Amino acid sequence: MQVSVTQQAFVLNQALTLCRATPSIRHPVWASVNERQYKSMPTHGIGRWRHLLPKEAPKKKKDKHQMKQIIAATDTAYGTLNVKVSGYDMTVVEHYSQYIHNLCNWLGIKVAESYALPTKSTEVMLMQEQGTKMYVDAILKTHERVVQLSSLNAALCPVFMDVLLKNQPEGVQLSVKEV
């Protein structure tokens, strides 16, 4: 069977044109390359992850804040004491109040509560020598922390206060008041 070169070229040319032609009926796999048909289809829960989280109890409505009971002083123990630490450097105040809390835990003194009070800002104003206009020279921020102690032993109190005063950093004010 002899086929001429021209006939071979003709058959090859027809085969190439058929391959380049786009099919009239599209297969779903071919369609997904250019078109997103899945966009309107339901997902049936694919990609859900909330069921993997632990179930949380429903949140209850908060009642009014109940005041904590203040312990009265006895002959051998003080009642509720507020140890108030204040200063201009927040990190020093925070670390010193943390030191007081750790010292109380180490000595066996019960810490009822430990909290921060809102920061107070004070503006320092200066007046020019020749004039009446005042301008702000500095803004001082006072940071305060409170460690509330309950039933501090009267025999332990002098030792506790001595340790607090010996380790008090510079620029930090300390006040202890009985509530």
N, C-alpha and C. Protein backbone atom coordinates (compact mmCIF):
# COMPACT_ATOMS: atom_id res chain seq x y z
N MET A 1 0.84 -1.16 0.00
CA MET A 1 0.00 0.00 0.00
C MET A 1 0.89 1.23 0.00
N GLN A 2 0.82 1.87 -1.08
CA GLN A 2 1.61 3.06 -1.23
C GLN A 2 0.71 4.27 -1.14
N VAL A 3 1.12 5.18 -0.32
CA VAL A 3 0.36 6.42 -0.13
C VAL A 3 1.32 7.56 -0.47
N SER A 4 0.82 8.43 -1.24
CA SER A 4 1.70 9.52 -1.66
C SER A 4 1.94 10.49 -0.51
N VAL A 5 2.95 11.26 -0.65
CA VAL A 5 3.32 12.23 0.37
C VAL A 5 2.25 13.30 0.49
N THR A 6 1.62 13.65 -0.57
CA THR A 6 0.58 14.67 -0.52
C THR A 6 -0.64 14.17 0.23
N GLN A 7 -0.97 12.88 0.03
CA GLN A 7 -2.11 12.31 0.75
C GLN A 7 -1.79 12.22 2.25
N GLN A 8 -0.59 11.87 2.59
CA GLN A 8 -0.20 11.80 4.01
C GLN A 8 -0.29 13.20 4.64
N ALA A 9 0.16 14.19 3.94
CA ALA A 9 0.10 15.56 4.45
C ALA A 9 -1.34 16.01 4.63
N PHE A 10 -2.22 15.61 3.70
CA PHE A 10 -3.63 15.98 3.78
C PHE A 10 -4.29 15.34 5.00
N VAL A 11 -4.04 14.07 5.24
CA VAL A 11 -4.62 13.36 6.39
C VAL A 11 -4.09 13.95 7.69
N LEU A 12 -2.83 14.22 7.73
CA LEU A 12 -2.22 14.80 8.93
C LEU A 12 -2.79 16.19 9.21
N ASN A 13 -2.99 16.98 8.20
CA ASN A 13 -3.55 18.32 8.33
C ASN A 13 -4.98 18.25 8.85
N GLN A 14 -5.79 17.31 8.36
CA GLN A 14 -7.16 17.14 8.84
C GLN A 14 -7.18 16.70 10.30
N ALA A 15 -6.27 15.81 10.68
CA ALA A 15 -6.20 15.34 12.07
C ALA A 15 -5.87 16.49 13.02
N LEU A 16 -4.97 17.35 12.62
CA LEU A 16 -4.60 18.49 13.47
C LEU A 16 -5.75 19.47 13.63
N THR A 17 -6.49 19.72 12.55
CA THR A 17 -7.62 20.65 12.66
C THR A 17 -8.72 20.08 13.54
N LEU A 18 -8.91 18.75 13.52
CA LEU A 18 -9.91 18.14 14.39
C LEU A 18 -9.49 18.24 15.86
N CYS A 19 -8.21 18.10 16.09
CA CYS A 19 -7.72 18.19 17.48
C CYS A 19 -7.86 19.61 18.03
N ARG A 20 -7.69 20.61 17.20
CA ARG A 20 -7.77 22.00 17.65
C ARG A 20 -9.21 22.45 17.86
N ALA A 21 -10.15 21.80 17.28
CA ALA A 21 -11.55 22.21 17.38
C ALA A 21 -12.05 21.95 18.79
N THR A 22 -12.89 22.84 19.29
CA THR A 22 -13.47 22.67 20.62
C THR A 22 -14.67 21.76 20.52
N PRO A 23 -14.84 20.87 21.46
CA PRO A 23 -15.98 19.95 21.40
C PRO A 23 -17.28 20.70 21.66
N SER A 24 -18.35 20.27 21.02
CA SER A 24 -19.64 20.92 21.18
C SER A 24 -20.29 20.51 22.50
N ILE A 25 -20.05 19.29 22.96
CA ILE A 25 -20.59 18.82 24.24
C ILE A 25 -19.44 18.88 25.24
N ARG A 26 -19.63 19.60 26.30
CA ARG A 26 -18.56 19.75 27.28
C ARG A 26 -18.70 18.71 28.38
N HIS A 27 -17.60 18.19 28.77
CA HIS A 27 -17.55 17.25 29.88
C HIS A 27 -17.46 18.06 31.18
N PRO A 28 -18.05 17.60 32.31
CA PRO A 28 -18.01 18.38 33.56
C PRO A 28 -16.58 18.67 34.04
N VAL A 29 -15.67 17.77 33.80
CA VAL A 29 -14.29 18.00 34.24
C VAL A 29 -13.67 19.13 33.43
N TRP A 30 -13.95 19.18 32.13
CA TRP A 30 -13.40 20.24 31.31
C TRP A 30 -14.04 21.59 31.66
N ALA A 31 -15.30 21.56 32.03
CA ALA A 31 -16.00 22.80 32.32
C ALA A 31 -15.48 23.45 33.61
N SER A 32 -15.02 22.63 34.55
CA SER A 32 -14.58 23.18 35.82
C SER A 32 -13.27 23.95 35.70
N VAL A 33 -12.58 23.79 34.58
CA VAL A 33 -11.34 24.51 34.40
C VAL A 33 -11.61 26.00 34.24
N ASN A 34 -12.61 26.35 33.47
CA ASN A 34 -12.88 27.76 33.19
C ASN A 34 -14.06 28.32 33.97
N GLU A 35 -15.03 27.52 34.32
CA GLU A 35 -16.24 27.99 34.97
C GLU A 35 -16.37 27.37 36.35
N ARG A 36 -16.97 28.13 37.27
CA ARG A 36 -17.14 27.63 38.63
C ARG A 36 -18.61 27.29 38.83
N GLN A 37 -18.98 26.06 38.48
CA GLN A 37 -20.38 25.65 38.59
C GLN A 37 -20.75 25.28 40.02
N TYR A 38 -19.75 25.00 40.86
CA TYR A 38 -20.02 24.55 42.22
C TYR A 38 -20.44 25.68 43.14
N LYS A 39 -20.34 26.93 42.68
CA LYS A 39 -20.59 28.06 43.55
C LYS A 39 -22.01 28.09 44.09
N SER A 40 -22.96 27.67 43.29
CA SER A 40 -24.35 27.72 43.73
C SER A 40 -24.82 26.40 44.32
N MET A 41 -23.96 25.40 44.39
CA MET A 41 -24.37 24.09 44.90
C MET A 41 -24.17 24.03 46.41
N PRO A 42 -24.99 23.29 47.14
CA PRO A 42 -24.84 23.19 48.59
C PRO A 42 -23.55 22.43 48.95
N THR A 43 -22.98 22.79 50.12
CA THR A 43 -21.71 22.18 50.53
C THR A 43 -21.90 20.97 51.44
N HIS A 44 -23.07 20.82 52.02
CA HIS A 44 -23.37 19.69 52.91
C HIS A 44 -22.40 19.62 54.09
N GLY A 45 -22.01 20.78 54.63
CA GLY A 45 -21.20 20.80 55.84
C GLY A 45 -19.71 20.66 55.63
N ILE A 46 -19.26 20.69 54.39
CA ILE A 46 -17.83 20.59 54.14
C ILE A 46 -17.16 21.87 54.63
N GLY A 47 -16.12 21.74 55.41
CA GLY A 47 -15.39 22.89 55.92
C GLY A 47 -15.88 23.41 57.25
N ARG A 48 -16.84 22.77 57.84
CA ARG A 48 -17.30 23.20 59.16
C ARG A 48 -16.29 22.77 60.21
N TRP A 49 -16.09 23.62 61.21
CA TRP A 49 -15.14 23.29 62.25
C TRP A 49 -15.67 23.59 63.65
N ARG A 50 -16.80 24.27 63.75
CA ARG A 50 -17.32 24.63 65.07
C ARG A 50 -17.70 23.41 65.90
N HIS A 51 -18.03 22.31 65.25
CA HIS A 51 -18.40 21.11 66.00
C HIS A 51 -17.19 20.49 66.70
N LEU A 52 -16.00 20.91 66.32
CA LEU A 52 -14.78 20.39 66.94
C LEU A 52 -14.48 21.09 68.27
N LEU A 53 -15.05 22.27 68.48
CA LEU A 53 -14.82 23.00 69.71
C LEU A 53 -15.63 22.40 70.84
N PRO A 54 -15.14 22.48 72.09
CA PRO A 54 -15.92 21.96 73.22
C PRO A 54 -17.17 22.80 73.42
N LYS A 55 -18.22 22.16 73.87
CA LYS A 55 -19.49 22.84 74.09
C LYS A 55 -19.36 23.78 75.28
N GLU A 56 -19.79 25.03 75.09
CA GLU A 56 -19.76 26.00 76.17
C GLU A 56 -21.14 26.10 76.80
N ALA A 57 -21.11 26.31 78.11
CA ALA A 57 -22.37 26.47 78.81
C ALA A 57 -22.97 27.82 78.42
N PRO A 58 -24.28 27.90 78.33
CA PRO A 58 -24.88 29.19 77.98
C PRO A 58 -24.57 30.23 79.06
N LYS A 59 -24.30 31.45 78.60
CA LYS A 59 -23.92 32.50 79.54
C LYS A 59 -25.15 32.94 80.32
N LYS A 60 -24.93 33.04 81.62
CA LYS A 60 -26.00 33.50 82.49
C LYS A 60 -25.91 35.01 82.64
N LYS A 61 -27.02 35.60 82.92
CA LYS A 61 -27.02 37.03 83.17
C LYS A 61 -26.27 37.30 84.47
N LYS A 62 -25.45 38.34 84.43
CA LYS A 62 -24.66 38.66 85.61
C LYS A 62 -25.56 39.32 86.65
N ASP A 63 -25.40 38.85 87.86
CA ASP A 63 -26.12 39.47 88.96
C ASP A 63 -25.37 40.75 89.35
N LYS A 64 -25.98 41.50 90.19
CA LYS A 64 -25.32 42.69 90.70
C LYS A 64 -24.08 42.26 91.47
N HIS A 65 -23.07 43.13 91.42
CA HIS A 65 -21.83 42.81 92.11
C HIS A 65 -22.10 42.63 93.59
N GLN A 66 -21.65 41.50 94.10
CA GLN A 66 -21.81 41.27 95.51
C GLN A 66 -20.54 41.70 96.21
N MET A 67 -20.69 42.41 97.26
CA MET A 67 -19.54 42.91 98.00
C MET A 67 -18.90 41.77 98.77
N LYS A 68 -17.57 41.77 98.79
CA LYS A 68 -16.86 40.75 99.54
C LYS A 68 -16.92 41.11 101.01
N GLN A 69 -16.97 40.08 101.80
CA GLN A 69 -17.11 40.29 103.23
C GLN A 69 -15.78 40.81 103.80
N ILE A 70 -15.86 41.86 104.59
CA ILE A 70 -14.69 42.43 105.23
C ILE A 70 -14.53 41.75 106.58
N ILE A 71 -13.35 41.21 106.79
CA ILE A 71 -13.09 40.46 108.02
C ILE A 71 -12.70 41.46 109.11
N ALA A 72 -13.33 41.34 110.26
CA ALA A 72 -13.05 42.25 111.37
C ALA A 72 -11.77 41.82 112.08
N ALA A 73 -11.14 42.78 112.74
CA ALA A 73 -9.91 42.50 113.46
C ALA A 73 -10.21 41.79 114.78
N THR A 74 -9.28 40.92 115.17
CA THR A 74 -9.37 40.24 116.47
C THR A 74 -8.15 40.63 117.30
N ASP A 75 -7.99 40.00 118.46
CA ASP A 75 -6.84 40.32 119.31
C ASP A 75 -5.53 39.82 118.70
N THR A 76 -5.59 38.73 117.94
CA THR A 76 -4.35 38.13 117.41
C THR A 76 -4.14 38.38 115.92
N ALA A 77 -5.10 38.98 115.25
CA ALA A 77 -4.96 39.19 113.81
C ALA A 77 -5.64 40.49 113.39
N TYR A 78 -5.05 41.11 112.39
CA TYR A 78 -5.68 42.28 111.78
C TYR A 78 -6.81 41.82 110.88
N GLY A 79 -7.72 42.72 110.58
CA GLY A 79 -8.82 42.40 109.68
C GLY A 79 -8.35 42.48 108.23
N THR A 80 -9.13 43.12 107.40
CA THR A 80 -8.77 43.29 106.00
C THR A 80 -7.88 44.51 105.86
N LEU A 81 -6.72 44.32 105.23
CA LEU A 81 -5.76 45.40 105.02
C LEU A 81 -5.60 45.67 103.53
N ASN A 82 -5.51 46.95 103.19
CA ASN A 82 -5.21 47.35 101.82
C ASN A 82 -3.77 47.83 101.76
N VAL A 83 -2.94 47.13 101.01
CA VAL A 83 -1.57 47.56 100.77
C VAL A 83 -1.58 48.25 99.41
N LYS A 84 -1.38 49.57 99.44
CA LYS A 84 -1.49 50.37 98.21
C LYS A 84 -0.09 50.81 97.78
N VAL A 85 0.24 50.51 96.52
CA VAL A 85 1.54 50.86 95.95
C VAL A 85 1.27 51.85 94.83
N SER A 86 1.99 52.98 94.82
CA SER A 86 1.79 53.97 93.76
C SER A 86 3.13 54.56 93.36
N GLY A 87 3.20 54.98 92.10
CA GLY A 87 4.43 55.57 91.58
C GLY A 87 4.25 56.02 90.14
N TYR A 88 5.29 56.63 89.60
CA TYR A 88 5.22 57.15 88.24
C TYR A 88 5.67 56.14 87.18
N ASP A 89 6.48 55.17 87.57
CA ASP A 89 6.97 54.16 86.63
C ASP A 89 6.10 52.91 86.77
N MET A 90 5.37 52.58 85.70
CA MET A 90 4.41 51.48 85.77
C MET A 90 5.09 50.14 86.01
N THR A 91 6.22 49.89 85.38
CA THR A 91 6.87 48.59 85.53
C THR A 91 7.37 48.37 86.95
N VAL A 92 7.90 49.41 87.58
CA VAL A 92 8.39 49.28 88.95
C VAL A 92 7.22 49.04 89.89
N VAL A 93 6.13 49.77 89.70
CA VAL A 93 4.94 49.61 90.55
C VAL A 93 4.37 48.20 90.38
N GLU A 94 4.29 47.75 89.14
CA GLU A 94 3.73 46.42 88.86
C GLU A 94 4.60 45.32 89.48
N HIS A 95 5.93 45.43 89.33
CA HIS A 95 6.82 44.41 89.88
C HIS A 95 6.83 44.41 91.40
N TYR A 96 6.73 45.60 92.01
CA TYR A 96 6.71 45.65 93.47
C TYR A 96 5.41 45.07 94.03
N SER A 97 4.28 45.34 93.37
CA SER A 97 3.02 44.74 93.83
C SER A 97 3.05 43.22 93.62
N GLN A 98 3.70 42.77 92.55
CA GLN A 98 3.86 41.33 92.32
C GLN A 98 4.76 40.73 93.41
N TYR A 99 5.79 41.46 93.81
CA TYR A 99 6.67 41.00 94.89
C TYR A 99 5.89 40.87 96.19
N ILE A 100 5.03 41.85 96.49
CA ILE A 100 4.22 41.79 97.71
C ILE A 100 3.31 40.58 97.68
N HIS A 101 2.69 40.33 96.53
CA HIS A 101 1.79 39.18 96.40
C HIS A 101 2.55 37.87 96.61
N ASN A 102 3.72 37.74 95.99
CA ASN A 102 4.51 36.51 96.15
C ASN A 102 5.01 36.36 97.58
N LEU A 103 5.38 37.47 98.23
CA LEU A 103 5.82 37.42 99.62
C LEU A 103 4.69 36.95 100.54
N CYS A 104 3.49 37.44 100.28
CA CYS A 104 2.33 37.01 101.07
C CYS A 104 2.07 35.51 100.88
N ASN A 105 2.19 35.03 99.66
CA ASN A 105 1.99 33.60 99.42
C ASN A 105 3.07 32.79 100.13
N TRP A 106 4.30 33.29 100.13
CA TRP A 106 5.41 32.56 100.74
C TRP A 106 5.28 32.54 102.27
N LEU A 107 4.76 33.64 102.87
CA LEU A 107 4.60 33.72 104.32
C LEU A 107 3.29 33.12 104.81
N GLY A 108 2.42 32.73 103.88
CA GLY A 108 1.15 32.14 104.27
C GLY A 108 0.09 33.16 104.62
N ILE A 109 0.24 34.37 104.14
CA ILE A 109 -0.75 35.43 104.36
C ILE A 109 -1.77 35.33 103.24
N LYS A 110 -3.05 35.33 103.59
CA LYS A 110 -4.10 35.17 102.58
C LYS A 110 -4.32 36.48 101.83
N VAL A 111 -4.19 36.41 100.50
CA VAL A 111 -4.45 37.57 99.64
C VAL A 111 -5.90 37.46 99.17
N ALA A 112 -6.73 38.40 99.60
CA ALA A 112 -8.14 38.37 99.21
C ALA A 112 -8.32 38.83 97.78
N GLU A 113 -7.59 39.89 97.39
CA GLU A 113 -7.78 40.46 96.07
C GLU A 113 -6.54 41.28 95.71
N SER A 114 -6.29 41.37 94.42
CA SER A 114 -5.19 42.19 93.92
C SER A 114 -5.69 42.87 92.65
N TYR A 115 -5.63 44.20 92.61
CA TYR A 115 -6.19 44.90 91.46
C TYR A 115 -5.46 46.22 91.23
N ALA A 116 -5.72 46.80 90.06
CA ALA A 116 -5.13 48.08 89.69
C ALA A 116 -6.19 49.17 89.73
N LEU A 117 -5.79 50.34 90.15
CA LEU A 117 -6.67 51.50 90.11
C LEU A 117 -6.39 52.27 88.83
N PRO A 118 -7.34 53.06 88.36
CA PRO A 118 -7.12 53.80 87.11
C PRO A 118 -5.93 54.76 87.22
N THR A 119 -5.24 54.89 86.10
CA THR A 119 -4.08 55.78 86.05
C THR A 119 -4.53 57.23 86.11
N LYS A 120 -3.83 58.02 86.93
CA LYS A 120 -4.16 59.44 87.07
C LYS A 120 -3.10 60.26 86.34
N SER A 121 -3.53 61.18 85.52
CA SER A 121 -2.60 62.05 84.79
C SER A 121 -2.61 63.44 85.41
N THR A 122 -1.41 63.99 85.61
CA THR A 122 -1.26 65.32 86.17
C THR A 122 -0.42 66.14 85.21
N GLU A 123 -0.92 67.30 84.81
CA GLU A 123 -0.18 68.18 83.91
C GLU A 123 0.60 69.21 84.72
N VAL A 124 1.88 69.34 84.42
CA VAL A 124 2.72 70.34 85.06
C VAL A 124 2.82 71.52 84.09
N MET A 125 2.32 72.68 84.53
CA MET A 125 2.28 73.86 83.67
C MET A 125 3.36 74.85 84.12
N LEU A 126 3.97 75.50 83.15
CA LEU A 126 4.96 76.55 83.41
C LEU A 126 4.50 77.87 82.80
N MET A 127 4.85 78.95 83.50
CA MET A 127 4.50 80.27 82.99
C MET A 127 5.79 80.96 82.54
N GLN A 128 5.72 81.63 81.42
CA GLN A 128 6.89 82.36 80.93
C GLN A 128 7.17 83.55 81.85
N GLU A 129 8.44 83.96 81.89
CA GLU A 129 8.81 85.07 82.77
C GLU A 129 8.11 86.37 82.36
N GLN A 130 8.09 86.65 81.09
CA GLN A 130 7.47 87.87 80.58
C GLN A 130 6.18 87.49 79.87
N GLY A 131 5.13 87.31 80.59
CA GLY A 131 3.87 86.99 79.95
C GLY A 131 2.91 86.30 80.89
N THR A 132 1.72 86.06 80.38
CA THR A 132 0.69 85.43 81.19
C THR A 132 0.31 84.06 80.67
N LYS A 133 0.88 83.67 79.55
CA LYS A 133 0.51 82.41 78.93
C LYS A 133 1.25 81.25 79.61
N MET A 134 0.49 80.18 79.90
CA MET A 134 1.07 78.99 80.50
C MET A 134 1.13 77.88 79.45
N TYR A 135 2.15 77.07 79.51
CA TYR A 135 2.26 75.95 78.60
C TYR A 135 2.60 74.68 79.39
N VAL A 136 2.24 73.56 78.81
CA VAL A 136 2.44 72.27 79.48
C VAL A 136 3.90 71.88 79.39
N ASP A 137 4.50 71.66 80.54
CA ASP A 137 5.90 71.25 80.59
C ASP A 137 6.02 69.74 80.60
N ALA A 138 5.16 69.07 81.37
CA ALA A 138 5.22 67.61 81.47
C ALA A 138 3.86 67.07 81.88
N ILE A 139 3.63 65.82 81.54
CA ILE A 139 2.43 65.11 81.99
C ILE A 139 2.89 63.93 82.83
N LEU A 140 2.53 63.95 84.10
CA LEU A 140 2.92 62.88 85.02
C LEU A 140 1.77 61.90 85.18
N LYS A 141 2.06 60.63 84.99
CA LYS A 141 1.04 59.59 85.15
C LYS A 141 1.34 58.79 86.41
N THR A 142 0.35 58.73 87.29
CA THR A 142 0.50 58.00 88.55
C THR A 142 -0.22 56.66 88.43
N HIS A 143 0.53 55.59 88.64
CA HIS A 143 -0.02 54.23 88.56
C HIS A 143 -0.19 53.70 89.98
N GLU A 144 -1.33 53.06 90.24
CA GLU A 144 -1.61 52.54 91.58
C GLU A 144 -2.05 51.09 91.50
N ARG A 145 -1.56 50.30 92.44
CA ARG A 145 -1.95 48.90 92.58
C ARG A 145 -2.33 48.66 94.03
N VAL A 146 -3.31 47.78 94.24
CA VAL A 146 -3.77 47.46 95.59
C VAL A 146 -3.71 45.95 95.77
N VAL A 147 -3.09 45.53 96.88
CA VAL A 147 -3.10 44.13 97.27
C VAL A 147 -3.88 44.07 98.58
N GLN A 148 -5.00 43.37 98.57
CA GLN A 148 -5.87 43.32 99.74
C GLN A 148 -5.60 42.03 100.51
N LEU A 149 -5.21 42.19 101.78
CA LEU A 149 -4.87 41.04 102.63
C LEU A 149 -5.98 40.83 103.64
N SER A 150 -6.20 39.58 104.00
CA SER A 150 -7.22 39.29 105.01
C SER A 150 -6.61 38.48 106.13
N SER A 151 -6.95 38.86 107.35
CA SER A 151 -6.52 38.21 108.60
C SER A 151 -5.00 38.02 108.66
N LEU A 152 -4.29 39.15 108.70
CA LEU A 152 -2.84 39.14 108.87
C LEU A 152 -2.53 38.94 110.34
N ASN A 153 -1.69 37.98 110.65
CA ASN A 153 -1.33 37.65 112.03
C ASN A 153 -0.59 38.84 112.65
N ALA A 154 -0.97 39.21 113.89
CA ALA A 154 -0.38 40.37 114.56
C ALA A 154 1.09 40.14 114.88
N ALA A 155 1.50 38.91 115.13
CA ALA A 155 2.90 38.62 115.42
C ALA A 155 3.74 38.69 114.15
N LEU A 156 3.15 38.39 113.01
CA LEU A 156 3.87 38.40 111.74
C LEU A 156 3.91 39.78 111.10
N CYS A 157 3.04 40.68 111.50
CA CYS A 157 2.91 41.98 110.87
C CYS A 157 4.18 42.83 110.93
N PRO A 158 4.87 42.94 112.08
CA PRO A 158 6.10 43.76 112.09
C PRO A 158 7.18 43.22 111.15
N VAL A 159 7.31 41.91 111.08
CA VAL A 159 8.30 41.31 110.19
C VAL A 159 7.91 41.57 108.74
N PHE A 160 6.63 41.41 108.43
CA PHE A 160 6.13 41.63 107.08
C PHE A 160 6.35 43.09 106.65
N MET A 161 6.02 44.04 107.52
CA MET A 161 6.19 45.45 107.18
C MET A 161 7.67 45.81 107.04
N ASP A 162 8.54 45.22 107.88
CA ASP A 162 9.96 45.49 107.79
C ASP A 162 10.53 45.00 106.45
N VAL A 163 10.11 43.82 106.01
CA VAL A 163 10.57 43.28 104.73
C VAL A 163 10.06 44.15 103.57
N LEU A 164 8.80 44.60 103.66
CA LEU A 164 8.26 45.47 102.61
C LEU A 164 9.04 46.78 102.51
N LEU A 165 9.34 47.39 103.66
CA LEU A 165 10.02 48.68 103.64
C LEU A 165 11.49 48.55 103.23
N LYS A 166 12.13 47.44 103.59
CA LYS A 166 13.53 47.24 103.20
C LYS A 166 13.67 47.03 101.70
N ASN A 167 12.65 46.45 101.06
CA ASN A 167 12.72 46.14 99.63
C ASN A 167 11.92 47.12 98.77
N GLN A 168 11.52 48.24 99.37
CA GLN A 168 10.74 49.24 98.62
C GLN A 168 11.67 49.96 97.63
N PRO A 169 11.33 49.92 96.33
CA PRO A 169 12.19 50.60 95.35
C PRO A 169 12.03 52.12 95.40
N GLU A 170 12.97 52.81 94.78
CA GLU A 170 12.93 54.28 94.74
C GLU A 170 11.77 54.74 93.87
N GLY A 171 11.12 55.80 94.29
CA GLY A 171 10.03 56.37 93.50
C GLY A 171 8.72 55.66 93.67
N VAL A 172 8.61 54.78 94.67
CA VAL A 172 7.37 54.04 94.91
C VAL A 172 6.88 54.38 96.31
N GLN A 173 5.62 54.80 96.41
CA GLN A 173 5.03 55.09 97.70
C GLN A 173 4.23 53.87 98.16
N LEU A 174 4.31 53.59 99.44
CA LEU A 174 3.63 52.43 100.01
C LEU A 174 2.74 52.91 101.15
N SER A 175 1.50 52.48 101.14
CA SER A 175 0.61 52.80 102.26
C SER A 175 -0.19 51.57 102.61
N VAL A 176 -0.34 51.34 103.92
CA VAL A 176 -1.09 50.20 104.43
C VAL A 176 -2.22 50.75 105.29
N LYS A 177 -3.45 50.41 104.93
CA LYS A 177 -4.61 50.89 105.69
C LYS A 177 -5.53 49.72 105.99
N GLU A 178 -6.12 49.78 107.17
CA GLU A 178 -7.10 48.77 107.55
C GLU A 178 -8.47 49.24 107.06
N VAL A 179 -9.20 48.35 106.44
CA VAL A 179 -10.51 48.69 105.88
C VAL A 179 -11.56 48.62 106.95
